[in-house]
Amino acid sequence: MDQQHGSDGEEDGSRMKVFVRIRPFNETEQERGDEGCIWRGDDKTVQLAYGHARSHRSYRFDAIFDQDSRQEEVFEAVCRGALRRAVRGVNATVFTYGQTGTGKTYTMLGADLWEMATEWQTRPNFSRGPGGGGGGPARGSA
């Protein structure tokens, strides 16, 4: 078992985590032949090319989701732990930040994501865990 994780691989949530999702080019960008300036280096690193000389910089995050990442992958890595903590009565927040048109709404409310969260928390084997928290009403907003 990993020192930082519990038996189910869920971190304790004691620190803020930062994830990056690189969106694919939209149709207009593809038609113009735009070139990307950011790409995934490994599971936790993005490479950024900038300026006329295309200098490179690397940045590390808790996880990187590239253009081919599925909603389910994002949910499992980003939302599942927060949802589990919220159901146990612990405060949890998931928010997106970025420029207009970069996919924040799709990432948070994409066709499958809300259904996955609802289905997952209503499964019979979903439990609040020992000392399970809350007992009060749960609230959510988007």
Protein backbone atom coordinates (compact mmCIF):
# COMPACT_ATOMS: atom_id res chain seq x y z
CA MET A 1 0.00 0.00 0.00
CA ASP A 2 1.28 3.45 -0.87
CA GLN A 3 2.27 5.63 2.11
CA GLN A 4 0.16 8.56 0.87
CA HIS A 5 -2.94 6.59 -0.02
CA GLY A 6 -5.48 4.51 1.81
CA SER A 7 -6.39 0.99 0.78
CA ASP A 8 -8.66 2.24 -1.99
CA GLY A 9 -6.01 4.58 -3.40
CA GLU A 10 -7.80 7.71 -2.22
CA GLU A 11 -5.65 10.48 -0.80
CA ASP A 12 -6.71 11.99 2.50
CA GLY A 13 -7.65 15.30 0.89
CA SER A 14 -5.54 17.36 3.26
CA ARG A 15 -3.97 19.45 0.51
CA MET A 16 -5.19 21.21 -2.59
CA LYS A 17 -4.52 19.31 -5.79
CA VAL A 18 -4.10 20.91 -9.21
CA PHE A 19 -4.92 19.11 -12.45
CA VAL A 20 -4.57 20.24 -16.05
CA ARG A 21 -6.75 19.20 -18.97
CA ILE A 22 -5.44 20.07 -22.43
CA ARG A 23 -8.35 20.56 -24.79
CA PRO A 24 -8.23 19.49 -28.43
CA PHE A 25 -8.27 22.07 -31.21
CA ASN A 26 -11.73 23.18 -32.25
CA GLU A 27 -12.81 23.10 -35.89
CA THR A 28 -11.75 26.69 -36.60
CA GLU A 29 -8.30 26.13 -35.12
CA GLN A 30 -7.89 22.97 -37.18
CA GLU A 31 -8.94 24.74 -40.40
CA ARG A 32 -6.42 27.54 -39.76
CA GLY A 33 -3.67 24.99 -39.17
CA ASP A 34 -2.94 26.30 -35.68
CA GLU A 35 -0.06 24.66 -33.85
CA GLY A 36 -0.16 23.60 -30.24
CA CYS A 37 1.99 25.27 -27.63
CA ILE A 38 1.33 22.85 -24.76
CA TRP A 39 1.67 19.11 -24.57
CA ARG A 40 1.87 16.37 -22.00
CA GLY A 41 5.40 15.42 -21.00
CA ASP A 42 4.47 12.58 -18.66
CA ASP A 43 1.64 11.83 -16.22
CA LYS A 44 2.41 14.93 -14.13
CA THR A 45 4.28 17.31 -16.42
CA VAL A 46 3.23 19.65 -19.21
CA GLN A 47 5.65 21.25 -21.65
CA LEU A 48 4.93 24.78 -22.80
CA ALA A 49 6.50 26.33 -25.90
CA TYR A 50 6.37 30.13 -26.03
CA GLY A 51 7.73 33.09 -27.97
CA HIS A 52 9.12 33.22 -31.50
CA ALA A 53 12.06 31.02 -30.52
CA ARG A 54 9.60 28.44 -29.12
CA SER A 55 11.50 28.24 -25.84
CA HIS A 56 10.29 25.42 -23.61
CA ARG A 57 9.27 25.33 -19.98
CA SER A 58 8.02 22.42 -17.91
CA TYR A 59 5.38 22.56 -15.18
CA ARG A 60 4.38 19.79 -12.76
CA PHE A 61 0.85 19.11 -11.54
CA ASP A 62 -0.93 16.32 -9.70
CA ALA A 63 -2.10 14.87 -13.02
CA ILE A 64 -2.34 15.87 -16.67
CA PHE A 65 -5.23 14.99 -18.97
CA ASP A 66 -4.45 15.33 -22.65
CA GLN A 67 -6.72 15.82 -25.66
CA ASP A 68 -7.63 12.13 -25.72
CA SER A 69 -8.65 11.87 -22.05
CA ARG A 70 -12.18 10.64 -21.40
CA GLN A 71 -14.64 12.19 -18.95
CA GLU A 72 -14.55 9.00 -16.88
CA GLU A 73 -10.77 9.35 -16.39
CA VAL A 74 -11.19 12.93 -15.21
CA PHE A 75 -14.01 11.96 -12.84
CA GLU A 76 -12.04 9.09 -11.31
CA ALA A 77 -8.90 11.16 -10.74
CA VAL A 78 -10.40 14.52 -9.80
CA CYS A 79 -13.95 14.14 -8.51
CA ARG A 80 -14.34 10.72 -6.94
CA GLY A 81 -12.29 11.46 -3.80
CA ALA A 82 -13.97 14.83 -3.29
CA LEU A 83 -17.41 13.25 -3.71
CA ARG A 84 -16.56 10.50 -1.23
CA ARG A 85 -15.36 13.07 1.33
CA ALA A 86 -18.47 15.23 0.82
CA VAL A 87 -20.77 12.28 1.45
CA ARG A 88 -18.85 11.58 4.68
CA GLY A 89 -19.61 15.13 5.78
CA VAL A 90 -16.21 16.64 4.98
CA ASN A 91 -16.04 19.84 2.93
CA ALA A 92 -14.92 19.26 -0.63
CA THR A 93 -14.64 21.60 -3.60
CA VAL A 94 -13.92 20.98 -7.25
CA PHE A 95 -13.64 24.05 -9.46
CA THR A 96 -12.29 24.94 -12.85
CA TYR A 97 -10.29 27.96 -13.88
CA GLY A 98 -9.27 29.14 -17.31
CA GLN A 99 -9.83 31.33 -20.29
CA THR A 100 -13.24 31.51 -21.98
CA GLY A 101 -13.76 28.68 -24.44
CA THR A 102 -11.17 26.32 -22.97
CA GLY A 103 -13.55 23.55 -21.91
CA LYS A 104 -14.31 24.27 -18.25
CA THR A 105 -18.04 23.67 -18.58
CA TYR A 106 -17.51 20.53 -20.63
CA THR A 107 -15.06 19.20 -18.06
CA MET A 108 -17.45 19.83 -15.16
CA LEU A 109 -20.78 19.07 -16.81
CA GLY A 110 -19.98 17.01 -19.89
CA ALA A 111 -22.69 14.61 -20.97
CA ASP A 112 -21.44 11.68 -18.90
CA LEU A 113 -19.95 13.34 -15.83
CA TRP A 114 -23.14 14.20 -13.93
CA GLU A 115 -24.59 10.78 -14.69
CA MET A 116 -21.42 9.07 -13.45
CA ALA A 117 -21.41 11.03 -10.18
CA THR A 118 -25.09 10.37 -9.53
CA GLU A 119 -24.85 6.69 -10.42
CA TRP A 120 -21.68 6.19 -8.40
CA GLN A 121 -23.03 7.70 -5.19
CA THR A 122 -26.26 5.69 -5.37
CA ARG A 123 -24.57 2.29 -5.79
CA PRO A 124 -25.45 -0.21 -3.06
CA ASN A 125 -21.77 -0.71 -2.17
CA PHE A 126 -21.17 3.02 -1.67
CA SER A 127 -20.70 3.62 2.02
CA ARG A 128 -19.91 6.57 4.19
CA GLY A 129 -17.15 4.59 5.88
CA PRO A 130 -16.38 4.26 9.57
CA GLY A 131 -17.63 7.15 11.66
CA GLY A 132 -19.22 8.09 8.42
CA GLY A 133 -20.05 11.67 8.90
CA GLY A 134 -22.76 13.91 7.87
CA GLY A 135 -26.13 12.48 8.45
CA GLY A 136 -27.45 15.83 7.29
CA PRO A 137 -28.64 16.77 3.85
CA ALA A 138 -26.14 16.91 1.01
CA ARG A 139 -26.06 19.88 -1.33
CA GLY A 140 -24.38 20.45 -4.63
CA SER A 141 -24.28 23.18 -7.21
CA ALA A 142 -22.83 23.79 -10.63
